[in-house]
């Protein structure tokens, strides 16, 4: 398989909610140094007590060594768990970002499966704009682009809001693809051949079991996470050849890289890109 078409397996771009989550945690840790010092002090005291007890009570055997290590590891794990739980409780936005990261990462796993099955040429994760971002912009082998909003939900109470978000993502994706992927073959420039973008909401978490087959909300398809590959297989449209797909994905990766550096200028190319 052409390595230029590989996307997702070796990307250095973490999802936007994952980056936001890490940023929130770093800020919370800086603001709560005294609390962390208290957690650390308790952990050190417990480690010291359990070490003395085990060394005094048990004979010098391999079992004592194993028990000492296992107990110390358990105390450290419990301490880290308590710190993380306290962070989630005190930083309300963190759980939303974490759930968003779970959804995007689960979708990325399904896109890898679609790639292995030769359903899609590739995709680009986490394309940022000054206002908003695109979770995943997918290039199937047949049809136009698919812009995916990944959602981790306990219920579908905000389905209309999710559909509105997906429509906004489609508008961003259409603007980006029409600018980046316009045909540039001189006298052979295609006339009236626009790039189509299909919006899709992929639901993960408990709410995915409530999504019926063929679900549409406000003109947007909603599907269960595990149904993504089969949904992509059913996309029909003009076939996209390998050369066009390679260039399209390269241009989109270039744009994403510049956007992540705070330079969201649009790259150009002397060759034609994928048209849908």
C-alpha atoms as a PDB file:
ATOM      1  CA  UNK A   1       0.000   0.000   0.000  1.00  0.00           C
ATOM      2  CA  UNK A   2       1.238   3.460  -0.918  1.00  0.00           C
ATOM      3  CA  UNK A   3       2.715   4.959   2.265  1.00  0.00           C
ATOM      4  CA  UNK A   4       1.715   8.423   1.063  1.00  0.00           C
ATOM      5  CA  UNK A   5      -1.909   7.428   1.577  1.00  0.00           C
ATOM      6  CA  UNK A   6      -1.387   6.201   5.134  1.00  0.00           C
ATOM      7  CA  UNK A   7      -3.192   8.309   7.708  1.00  0.00           C
ATOM      8  CA  UNK A   8      -3.998   7.751  11.338  1.00  0.00           C
ATOM      9  CA  UNK A   9      -1.583   4.891  12.082  1.00  0.00           C
ATOM     10  CA  UNK A  10       1.445   7.117  12.589  1.00  0.00           C
ATOM     11  CA  UNK A  11      -0.130  10.569  12.926  1.00  0.00           C
ATOM     12  CA  UNK A  12       1.433  12.932  15.421  1.00  0.00           C
ATOM     13  CA  UNK A  13      -1.827  14.834  15.745  1.00  0.00           C
ATOM     14  CA  UNK A  14      -3.889  14.023  18.800  1.00  0.00           C
ATOM     15  CA  UNK A  15      -7.583  14.830  18.704  1.00  0.00           C
ATOM     16  CA  UNK A  16      -8.639  18.348  19.706  1.00  0.00           C
ATOM     17  CA  UNK A  17     -10.517  17.183  22.851  1.00  0.00           C
ATOM     18  CA  UNK A  18      -7.513  15.105  23.911  1.00  0.00           C
ATOM     19  CA  UNK A  19      -5.252  18.154  23.591  1.00  0.00           C
ATOM     20  CA  UNK A  20      -7.813  20.288  25.437  1.00  0.00           C
ATOM     21  CA  UNK A  21      -8.044  17.665  28.174  1.00  0.00           C
ATOM     22  CA  UNK A  22      -4.265  17.606  28.661  1.00  0.00           C
ATOM     23  CA  UNK A  23      -4.201  21.420  28.754  1.00  0.00           C
ATOM     24  CA  UNK A  24      -6.920  21.472  31.412  1.00  0.00           C
ATOM     25  CA  UNK A  25      -5.065  18.916  33.523  1.00  0.00           C
ATOM     26  CA  UNK A  26      -1.779  20.794  33.336  1.00  0.00           C
ATOM     27  CA  UNK A  27      -3.491  24.000  34.403  1.00  0.00           C
ATOM     28  CA  UNK A  28      -5.284  22.250  37.273  1.00  0.00           C
ATOM     29  CA  UNK A  29      -2.042  20.641  38.468  1.00  0.00           C
ATOM     30  CA  UNK A  30      -0.306  24.019  38.511  1.00  0.00           C
ATOM     31  CA  UNK A  31      -3.149  25.552  40.519  1.00  0.00           C
ATOM     32  CA  UNK A  32      -3.291  22.744  43.071  1.00  0.00           C
ATOM     33  CA  UNK A  33       0.324  22.184  44.087  1.00  0.00           C
ATOM     34  CA  UNK A  34      -0.545  22.102  47.816  1.00  0.00           C
ATOM     35  CA  UNK A  35      -3.249  19.486  47.271  1.00  0.00           C
ATOM     36  CA  UNK A  36      -0.849  17.344  45.254  1.00  0.00           C
ATOM     37  CA  UNK A  37       1.799  17.719  47.949  1.00  0.00           C
ATOM     38  CA  UNK A  38      -0.743  16.419  50.467  1.00  0.00           C
ATOM     39  CA  UNK A  39      -1.544  13.404  48.283  1.00  0.00           C
ATOM     40  CA  UNK A  40       2.182  12.740  47.857  1.00  0.00           C
ATOM     41  CA  UNK A  41       2.820  12.990  51.592  1.00  0.00           C
ATOM     42  CA  UNK A  42       0.086  10.483  52.409  1.00  0.00           C
ATOM     43  CA  UNK A  43       1.363   8.114  49.731  1.00  0.00           C
ATOM     44  CA  UNK A  44       4.941   8.281  51.009  1.00  0.00           C
ATOM     45  CA  UNK A  45       3.767   7.626  54.570  1.00  0.00           C
ATOM     46  CA  UNK A  46       1.738   4.585  53.493  1.00  0.00           C
ATOM     47  CA  UNK A  47       4.658   3.277  51.441  1.00  0.00           C
ATOM     48  CA  UNK A  48       6.970   3.597  54.413  1.00  0.00           C
ATOM     49  CA  UNK A  49       4.534   1.874  56.795  1.00  0.00           C
ATOM     50  CA  UNK A  50       3.769  -1.073  54.488  1.00  0.00           C
ATOM     51  CA  UNK A  51       7.473  -1.522  53.712  1.00  0.00           C
ATOM     52  CA  UNK A  52       8.428  -1.708  57.401  1.00  0.00           C
ATOM     53  CA  UNK A  53       5.547  -4.065  58.227  1.00  0.00           C
ATOM     54  CA  UNK A  54       6.324  -6.473  55.384  1.00  0.00           C
ATOM     55  CA  UNK A  55      10.066  -6.492  56.064  1.00  0.00           C
ATOM     56  CA  UNK A  56       9.554  -7.120  59.802  1.00  0.00           C
ATOM     57  CA  UNK A  57       6.712  -9.640  59.659  1.00  0.00           C
ATOM     58  CA  UNK A  58       7.633 -11.821  56.683  1.00  0.00           C
ATOM     59  CA  UNK A  59      10.767 -13.918  56.198  1.00  0.00           C
ATOM     60  CA  UNK A  60      13.248 -13.024  53.485  1.00  0.00           C
ATOM     61  CA  UNK A  61      11.792 -14.995  50.567  1.00  0.00           C
ATOM     62  CA  UNK A  62      10.861 -14.350  46.953  1.00  0.00           C
ATOM     63  CA  UNK A  63       7.229 -14.037  48.062  1.00  0.00           C
ATOM     64  CA  UNK A  64       8.129 -11.151  50.389  1.00  0.00           C
ATOM     65  CA  UNK A  65       9.870  -9.370  47.524  1.00  0.00           C
ATOM     66  CA  UNK A  66       6.867  -9.883  45.270  1.00  0.00           C
ATOM     67  CA  UNK A  67       4.379  -8.739  47.918  1.00  0.00           C
ATOM     68  CA  UNK A  68       6.455  -5.664  48.697  1.00  0.00           C
ATOM     69  CA  UNK A  69       6.536  -4.621  45.032  1.00  0.00           C
ATOM     70  CA  UNK A  70       2.848  -5.401  44.462  1.00  0.00           C
ATOM     71  CA  UNK A  71       1.779  -3.430  47.529  1.00  0.00           C
ATOM     72  CA  UNK A  72       3.895  -0.430  46.603  1.00  0.00           C
ATOM     73  CA  UNK A  73       2.552  -0.463  43.047  1.00  0.00           C
ATOM     74  CA  UNK A  74      -1.023  -0.648  44.372  1.00  0.00           C
ATOM     75  CA  UNK A  75      -0.540   2.336  46.677  1.00  0.00           C
ATOM     76  CA  UNK A  76       0.936   4.411  43.837  1.00  0.00           C
ATOM     77  CA  UNK A  77      -1.910   3.392  41.481  1.00  0.00           C
ATOM     78  CA  UNK A  78      -4.552   4.306  44.066  1.00  0.00           C
ATOM     79  CA  UNK A  79      -2.863   7.661  44.634  1.00  0.00           C
ATOM     80  CA  UNK A  80      -2.830   8.471  40.913  1.00  0.00           C
ATOM     81  CA  UNK A  81      -6.449   7.366  40.605  1.00  0.00           C
ATOM     82  CA  UNK A  82      -7.490   9.682  43.440  1.00  0.00           C
ATOM     83  CA  UNK A  83      -5.651  12.608  41.870  1.00  0.00           C
ATOM     84  CA  UNK A  84      -7.294  11.952  38.506  1.00  0.00           C
ATOM     85  CA  UNK A  85     -10.742  11.529  40.048  1.00  0.00           C
ATOM     86  CA  UNK A  86     -10.368  14.757  42.018  1.00  0.00           C
ATOM     87  CA  UNK A  87      -9.386  16.555  38.813  1.00  0.00           C
ATOM     88  CA  UNK A  88     -12.483  15.268  36.986  1.00  0.00           C
ATOM     89  CA  UNK A  89     -14.760  16.258  39.862  1.00  0.00           C
ATOM     90  CA  UNK A  90     -13.348  19.755  40.254  1.00  0.00           C
ATOM     91  CA  UNK A  91     -12.808  20.575  36.552  1.00  0.00           C
ATOM     92  CA  UNK A  92     -16.275  20.248  35.032  1.00  0.00           C
ATOM     93  CA  UNK A  93     -15.169  20.722  31.407  1.00  0.00           C
ATOM     94  CA  UNK A  94     -12.614  17.908  31.669  1.00  0.00           C
ATOM     95  CA  UNK A  95     -15.129  15.046  31.516  1.00  0.00           C
ATOM     96  CA  UNK A  96     -16.678  16.498  28.364  1.00  0.00           C
ATOM     97  CA  UNK A  97     -13.287  16.745  26.700  1.00  0.00           C
ATOM     98  CA  UNK A  98     -12.424  13.224  27.811  1.00  0.00           C
ATOM     99  CA  UNK A  99     -15.664  11.838  26.374  1.00  0.00           C
ATOM    100  CA  UNK A 100     -14.981  13.724  23.152  1.00  0.00           C
ATOM    101  CA  UNK A 101     -11.531  12.157  22.960  1.00  0.00           C
ATOM    102  CA  UNK A 102     -12.979   8.678  23.498  1.00  0.00           C
ATOM    103  CA  UNK A 103     -15.425   9.218  20.646  1.00  0.00           C
ATOM    104  CA  UNK A 104     -12.829  10.516  18.180  1.00  0.00           C
ATOM    105  CA  UNK A 105     -10.333   7.796  19.030  1.00  0.00           C
ATOM    106  CA  UNK A 106     -12.979   5.077  18.658  1.00  0.00           C
ATOM    107  CA  UNK A 107     -13.930   6.473  15.239  1.00  0.00           C
ATOM    108  CA  UNK A 108     -10.279   6.532  14.251  1.00  0.00           C
ATOM    109  CA  UNK A 109     -10.029   2.824  15.042  1.00  0.00           C
ATOM    110  CA  UNK A 110     -13.012   2.150  12.758  1.00  0.00           C
ATOM    111  CA  UNK A 111     -11.444   4.232   9.994  1.00  0.00           C
ATOM    112  CA  UNK A 112      -8.302   2.138  10.244  1.00  0.00           C
ATOM    113  CA  UNK A 113     -10.490  -0.924   9.752  1.00  0.00           C
ATOM    114  CA  UNK A 114     -12.138   0.708   6.738  1.00  0.00           C
ATOM    115  CA  UNK A 115      -8.684   1.436   5.323  1.00  0.00           C
ATOM    116  CA  UNK A 116      -7.605  -2.194   5.711  1.00  0.00           C
ATOM    117  CA  UNK A 117     -10.778  -3.305   3.918  1.00  0.00           C
ATOM    118  CA  UNK A 118     -10.009  -0.856   1.086  1.00  0.00           C
ATOM    119  CA  UNK A 119     -13.229   1.065   1.653  1.00  0.00           C
ATOM    120  CA  UNK A 120     -11.509   4.459   1.972  1.00  0.00           C
ATOM    121  CA  UNK A 121      -8.324   5.935   0.555  1.00  0.00           C
ATOM    122  CA  UNK A 122      -7.587   7.671   3.832  1.00  0.00           C
ATOM    123  CA  UNK A 123      -8.646  10.453   6.148  1.00  0.00           C
ATOM    124  CA  UNK A 124      -7.386  13.477   8.054  1.00  0.00           C
ATOM    125  CA  UNK A 125      -8.051  13.932  11.765  1.00  0.00           C
ATOM    126  CA  UNK A 126      -8.412  17.162  13.732  1.00  0.00           C
ATOM    127  CA  UNK A 127      -8.320  19.951  11.159  1.00  0.00           C
ATOM    128  CA  UNK A 128      -8.505  23.204  13.099  1.00  0.00           C
ATOM    129  CA  UNK A 129      -9.891  26.571  12.019  1.00  0.00           C
ATOM    130  CA  UNK A 130     -10.088  29.876  13.839  1.00  0.00           C
ATOM    131  CA  UNK A 131     -13.659  28.928  14.768  1.00  0.00           C
ATOM    132  CA  UNK A 132     -14.258  25.207  15.222  1.00  0.00           C
ATOM    133  CA  UNK A 133     -12.585  22.126  13.845  1.00  0.00           C
ATOM    134  CA  UNK A 134     -13.253  18.971  11.810  1.00  0.00           C
ATOM    135  CA  UNK A 135     -13.032  15.699  13.727  1.00  0.00           C
ATOM    136  CA  UNK A 136     -12.376  13.542  10.645  1.00  0.00           C
ATOM    137  CA  UNK A 137     -12.424  14.312   6.921  1.00  0.00           C
ATOM    138  CA  UNK A 138     -12.643  10.987   5.087  1.00  0.00           C
ATOM    139  CA  UNK A 139     -12.008  10.237   1.405  1.00  0.00           C
ATOM    140  CA  UNK A 140     -13.888   7.078   0.354  1.00  0.00           C
ATOM    141  CA  UNK A 141     -12.881   5.253  -2.817  1.00  0.00           C
ATOM    142  CA  UNK A 142     -16.329   6.065  -4.221  1.00  0.00           C
ATOM    143  CA  UNK A 143     -18.266   9.271  -3.713  1.00  0.00           C
ATOM    144  CA  UNK A 144     -17.401  12.607  -2.183  1.00  0.00           C
ATOM    145  CA  UNK A 145     -15.740  13.468   1.078  1.00  0.00           C
ATOM    146  CA  UNK A 146     -17.397  12.507   4.356  1.00  0.00           C
ATOM    147  CA  UNK A 147     -16.968  14.847   7.315  1.00  0.00           C
ATOM    148  CA  UNK A 148     -17.540  12.969  10.559  1.00  0.00           C
ATOM    149  CA  UNK A 149     -18.551  14.386  13.916  1.00  0.00           C
ATOM    150  CA  UNK A 150     -17.711  11.813  16.603  1.00  0.00           C
ATOM    151  CA  UNK A 151     -19.876  11.979  19.732  1.00  0.00           C
ATOM    152  CA  UNK A 152     -19.741  10.029  22.995  1.00  0.00           C
ATOM    153  CA  UNK A 153     -23.162  10.278  24.589  1.00  0.00           C
ATOM    154  CA  UNK A 154     -25.161   8.718  27.406  1.00  0.00           C
ATOM    155  CA  UNK A 155     -28.391   9.673  25.638  1.00  0.00           C
ATOM    156  CA  UNK A 156     -29.536  11.386  22.469  1.00  0.00           C
ATOM    157  CA  UNK A 157     -31.260  14.352  24.065  1.00  0.00           C
ATOM    158  CA  UNK A 158     -29.144  16.862  22.117  1.00  0.00           C
ATOM    159  CA  UNK A 159     -29.587  15.240  18.680  1.00  0.00           C
ATOM    160  CA  UNK A 160     -30.735  18.506  17.068  1.00  0.00           C
ATOM    161  CA  UNK A 161     -27.665  20.324  18.400  1.00  0.00           C
ATOM    162  CA  UNK A 162     -25.433  17.528  17.112  1.00  0.00           C
ATOM    163  CA  UNK A 163     -27.058  17.778  13.670  1.00  0.00           C
ATOM    164  CA  UNK A 164     -26.488  21.552  13.636  1.00  0.00           C
ATOM    165  CA  UNK A 165     -22.835  20.988  14.564  1.00  0.00           C
ATOM    166  CA  UNK A 166     -22.491  18.467  11.724  1.00  0.00           C
ATOM    167  CA  UNK A 167     -23.959  20.925   9.219  1.00  0.00           C
ATOM    168  CA  UNK A 168     -21.475  23.577  10.332  1.00  0.00           C
ATOM    169  CA  UNK A 169     -18.671  21.049   9.897  1.00  0.00           C
ATOM    170  CA  UNK A 170     -19.902  20.333   6.359  1.00  0.00           C
ATOM    171  CA  UNK A 171     -19.780  24.043   5.497  1.00  0.00           C
ATOM    172  CA  UNK A 172     -16.205  24.281   6.775  1.00  0.00           C
ATOM    173  CA  UNK A 173     -15.201  21.130   4.895  1.00  0.00           C
ATOM    174  CA  UNK A 174     -16.848  22.330   1.670  1.00  0.00           C
ATOM    175  CA  UNK A 175     -15.028  25.641   1.839  1.00  0.00           C
ATOM    176  CA  UNK A 176     -11.714  23.919   2.511  1.00  0.00           C
ATOM    177  CA  UNK A 177     -12.012  21.227  -0.157  1.00  0.00           C
ATOM    178  CA  UNK A 178     -13.300  23.569  -2.856  1.00  0.00           C
ATOM    179  CA  UNK A 179     -10.342  25.853  -2.282  1.00  0.00           C
ATOM    180  CA  UNK A 180      -7.659  23.212  -1.914  1.00  0.00           C
ATOM    181  CA  UNK A 181      -8.854  20.632  -4.391  1.00  0.00           C
ATOM    182  CA  UNK A 182      -9.920  22.690  -7.369  1.00  0.00           C
ATOM    183  CA  UNK A 183      -8.830  21.312 -10.745  1.00  0.00           C
ATOM    184  CA  UNK A 184      -5.771  23.006 -12.215  1.00  0.00           C
ATOM    185  CA  UNK A 185      -5.223  21.364 -15.580  1.00  0.00           C
ATOM    186  CA  UNK A 186      -5.267  24.536 -17.609  1.00  0.00           C
ATOM    187  CA  UNK A 187      -7.526  24.129 -20.613  1.00  0.00           C
ATOM    188  CA  UNK A 188      -8.821  20.852 -19.154  1.00  0.00           C
ATOM    189  CA  UNK A 189     -10.179  22.515 -16.015  1.00  0.00           C
ATOM    190  CA  UNK A 190     -13.491  20.917 -15.159  1.00  0.00           C
ATOM    191  CA  UNK A 191     -16.450  23.245 -15.298  1.00  0.00           C
ATOM    192  CA  UNK A 192     -19.170  23.005 -12.674  1.00  0.00           C
ATOM    193  CA  UNK A 193     -17.511  19.986 -11.052  1.00  0.00           C
ATOM    194  CA  UNK A 194     -17.742  20.717  -7.334  1.00  0.00           C
ATOM    195  CA  UNK A 195     -16.468  18.773  -4.389  1.00  0.00           C
ATOM    196  CA  UNK A 196     -19.326  17.229  -2.429  1.00  0.00           C
ATOM    197  CA  UNK A 197     -19.146  16.709   1.324  1.00  0.00           C
ATOM    198  CA  UNK A 198     -21.486  14.401   3.235  1.00  0.00           C
ATOM    199  CA  UNK A 199     -22.002  15.172   6.947  1.00  0.00           C
ATOM    200  CA  UNK A 200     -22.196  12.231   9.340  1.00  0.00           C
ATOM    201  CA  UNK A 201     -22.614  11.931  13.112  1.00  0.00           C
ATOM    202  CA  UNK A 202     -21.106   8.788  14.655  1.00  0.00           C
ATOM    203  CA  UNK A 203     -22.440   7.989  18.122  1.00  0.00           C
ATOM    204  CA  UNK A 204     -20.417   6.137  20.768  1.00  0.00           C
ATOM    205  CA  UNK A 205     -21.160   5.344  24.381  1.00  0.00           C
ATOM    206  CA  UNK A 206     -24.471   4.124  25.849  1.00  0.00           C
ATOM    207  CA  UNK A 207     -26.508   6.266  23.405  1.00  0.00           C
ATOM    208  CA  UNK A 208     -25.299   4.284  20.389  1.00  0.00           C
ATOM    209  CA  UNK A 209     -27.700   1.477  21.305  1.00  0.00           C
ATOM    210  CA  UNK A 210     -30.591   3.922  20.878  1.00  0.00           C
ATOM    211  CA  UNK A 211     -29.685   4.846  17.280  1.00  0.00           C
ATOM    212  CA  UNK A 212     -32.018   3.079  14.822  1.00  0.00           C
ATOM    213  CA  UNK A 213     -30.966   2.038  11.324  1.00  0.00           C
ATOM    214  CA  UNK A 214     -31.485   4.815   8.794  1.00  0.00           C
ATOM    215  CA  UNK A 215     -31.598   7.531  11.426  1.00  0.00           C
ATOM    216  CA  UNK A 216     -31.741  11.088  10.033  1.00  0.00           C
ATOM    217  CA  UNK A 217     -31.976  14.277  12.068  1.00  0.00           C
ATOM    218  CA  UNK A 218     -32.330  17.643  10.348  1.00  0.00           C
ATOM    219  CA  UNK A 219     -30.934  16.186   7.112  1.00  0.00           C
ATOM    220  CA  UNK A 220     -27.892  14.550   8.778  1.00  0.00           C
ATOM    221  CA  UNK A 221     -27.263  10.800   9.032  1.00  0.00           C
ATOM    222  CA  UNK A 222     -26.725   9.396  12.544  1.00  0.00           C
ATOM    223  CA  UNK A 223     -25.147   5.939  12.928  1.00  0.00           C
ATOM    224  CA  UNK A 224     -23.777   3.687  15.665  1.00  0.00           C
ATOM    225  CA  UNK A 225     -20.017   3.643  15.903  1.00  0.00           C
ATOM    226  CA  UNK A 226     -19.695  -0.013  14.917  1.00  0.00           C
ATOM    227  CA  UNK A 227     -21.779   0.619  11.781  1.00  0.00           C
ATOM    228  CA  UNK A 228     -19.302   3.117  10.324  1.00  0.00           C
ATOM    229  CA  UNK A 229     -17.456   0.736   8.011  1.00  0.00           C
ATOM    230  CA  UNK A 230     -20.653  -0.680   6.503  1.00  0.00           C
ATOM    231  CA  UNK A 231     -22.035   2.861   6.074  1.00  0.00           C
ATOM    232  CA  UNK A 232     -18.890   3.909   4.202  1.00  0.00           C
ATOM    233  CA  UNK A 233     -19.131   0.800   2.030  1.00  0.00           C
ATOM    234  CA  UNK A 234     -22.588   1.937   0.934  1.00  0.00           C
ATOM    235  CA  UNK A 235     -21.410   5.403  -0.208  1.00  0.00           C
ATOM    236  CA  UNK A 236     -21.838   5.676  -3.963  1.00  0.00           C
ATOM    237  CA  UNK A 237     -20.516   8.252  -6.381  1.00  0.00           C
ATOM    238  CA  UNK A 238     -17.742   8.925  -8.856  1.00  0.00           C
ATOM    239  CA  UNK A 239     -14.723   6.686  -8.308  1.00  0.00           C
ATOM    240  CA  UNK A 240     -11.634   8.488  -7.004  1.00  0.00           C
ATOM    241  CA  UNK A 241      -8.360   7.286  -8.519  1.00  0.00           C
ATOM    242  CA  UNK A 242      -5.198   6.690  -6.505  1.00  0.00           C
ATOM    243  CA  UNK A 243      -3.221   9.658  -7.841  1.00  0.00           C
ATOM    244  CA  UNK A 244      -6.017  12.133  -7.108  1.00  0.00           C
ATOM    245  CA  UNK A 245      -6.556  10.655  -3.634  1.00  0.00           C
ATOM    246  CA  UNK A 246      -2.841  10.854  -2.869  1.00  0.00           C
ATOM    247  CA  UNK A 247      -2.684  14.525  -3.758  1.00  0.00           C
ATOM    248  CA  UNK A 248      -5.917  15.406  -2.000  1.00  0.00           C
ATOM    249  CA  UNK A 249      -4.779  13.861   1.269  1.00  0.00           C
ATOM    250  CA  UNK A 250      -1.331  15.410   0.956  1.00  0.00           C
ATOM    251  CA  UNK A 251      -2.824  18.885   0.496  1.00  0.00           C
ATOM    252  CA  UNK A 252      -5.140  18.422   3.460  1.00  0.00           C
ATOM    253  CA  UNK A 253      -2.288  17.185   5.670  1.00  0.00           C
ATOM    254  CA  UNK A 254      -0.237  20.200   4.612  1.00  0.00           C
ATOM    255  CA  UNK A 255      -3.074  22.549   5.543  1.00  0.00           C
ATOM    256  CA  UNK A 256      -3.573  20.819   8.893  1.00  0.00           C
ATOM    257  CA  UNK A 257       0.116  21.083   9.686  1.00  0.00           C
ATOM    258  CA  UNK A 258       0.172  24.789   8.934  1.00  0.00           C
ATOM    259  CA  UNK A 259      -3.015  25.355  10.919  1.00  0.00           C
ATOM    260  CA  UNK A 260      -1.533  23.584  13.945  1.00  0.00           C
ATOM    261  CA  UNK A 261       1.436  25.972  13.781  1.00  0.00           C
ATOM    262  CA  UNK A 262      -0.869  28.978  13.729  1.00  0.00           C
ATOM    263  CA  UNK A 263      -0.382  29.493   9.973  1.00  0.00           C
ATOM    264  CA  UNK A 264      -3.656  28.340   8.408  1.00  0.00           C
ATOM    265  CA  UNK A 265      -2.810  29.532   4.890  1.00  0.00           C
ATOM    266  CA  UNK A 266      -4.103  27.323   2.097  1.00  0.00           C
ATOM    267  CA  UNK A 267      -1.449  25.422   0.077  1.00  0.00           C
ATOM    268  CA  UNK A 268      -1.633  25.198  -3.692  1.00  0.00           C
ATOM    269  CA  UNK A 269      -0.645  22.518  -6.141  1.00  0.00           C
ATOM    270  CA  UNK A 270       0.161  22.378  -9.816  1.00  0.00           C
ATOM    271  CA  UNK A 271      -1.600  19.059 -10.224  1.00  0.00           C
ATOM    272  CA  UNK A 272      -5.265  18.142 -10.065  1.00  0.00           C
ATOM    273  CA  UNK A 273      -6.843  16.859  -6.882  1.00  0.00           C
ATOM    274  CA  UNK A 274      -9.746  14.603  -6.097  1.00  0.00           C
ATOM    275  CA  UNK A 275     -13.068  15.731  -7.416  1.00  0.00           C
ATOM    276  CA  UNK A 276     -16.293  14.225  -6.152  1.00  0.00           C
END
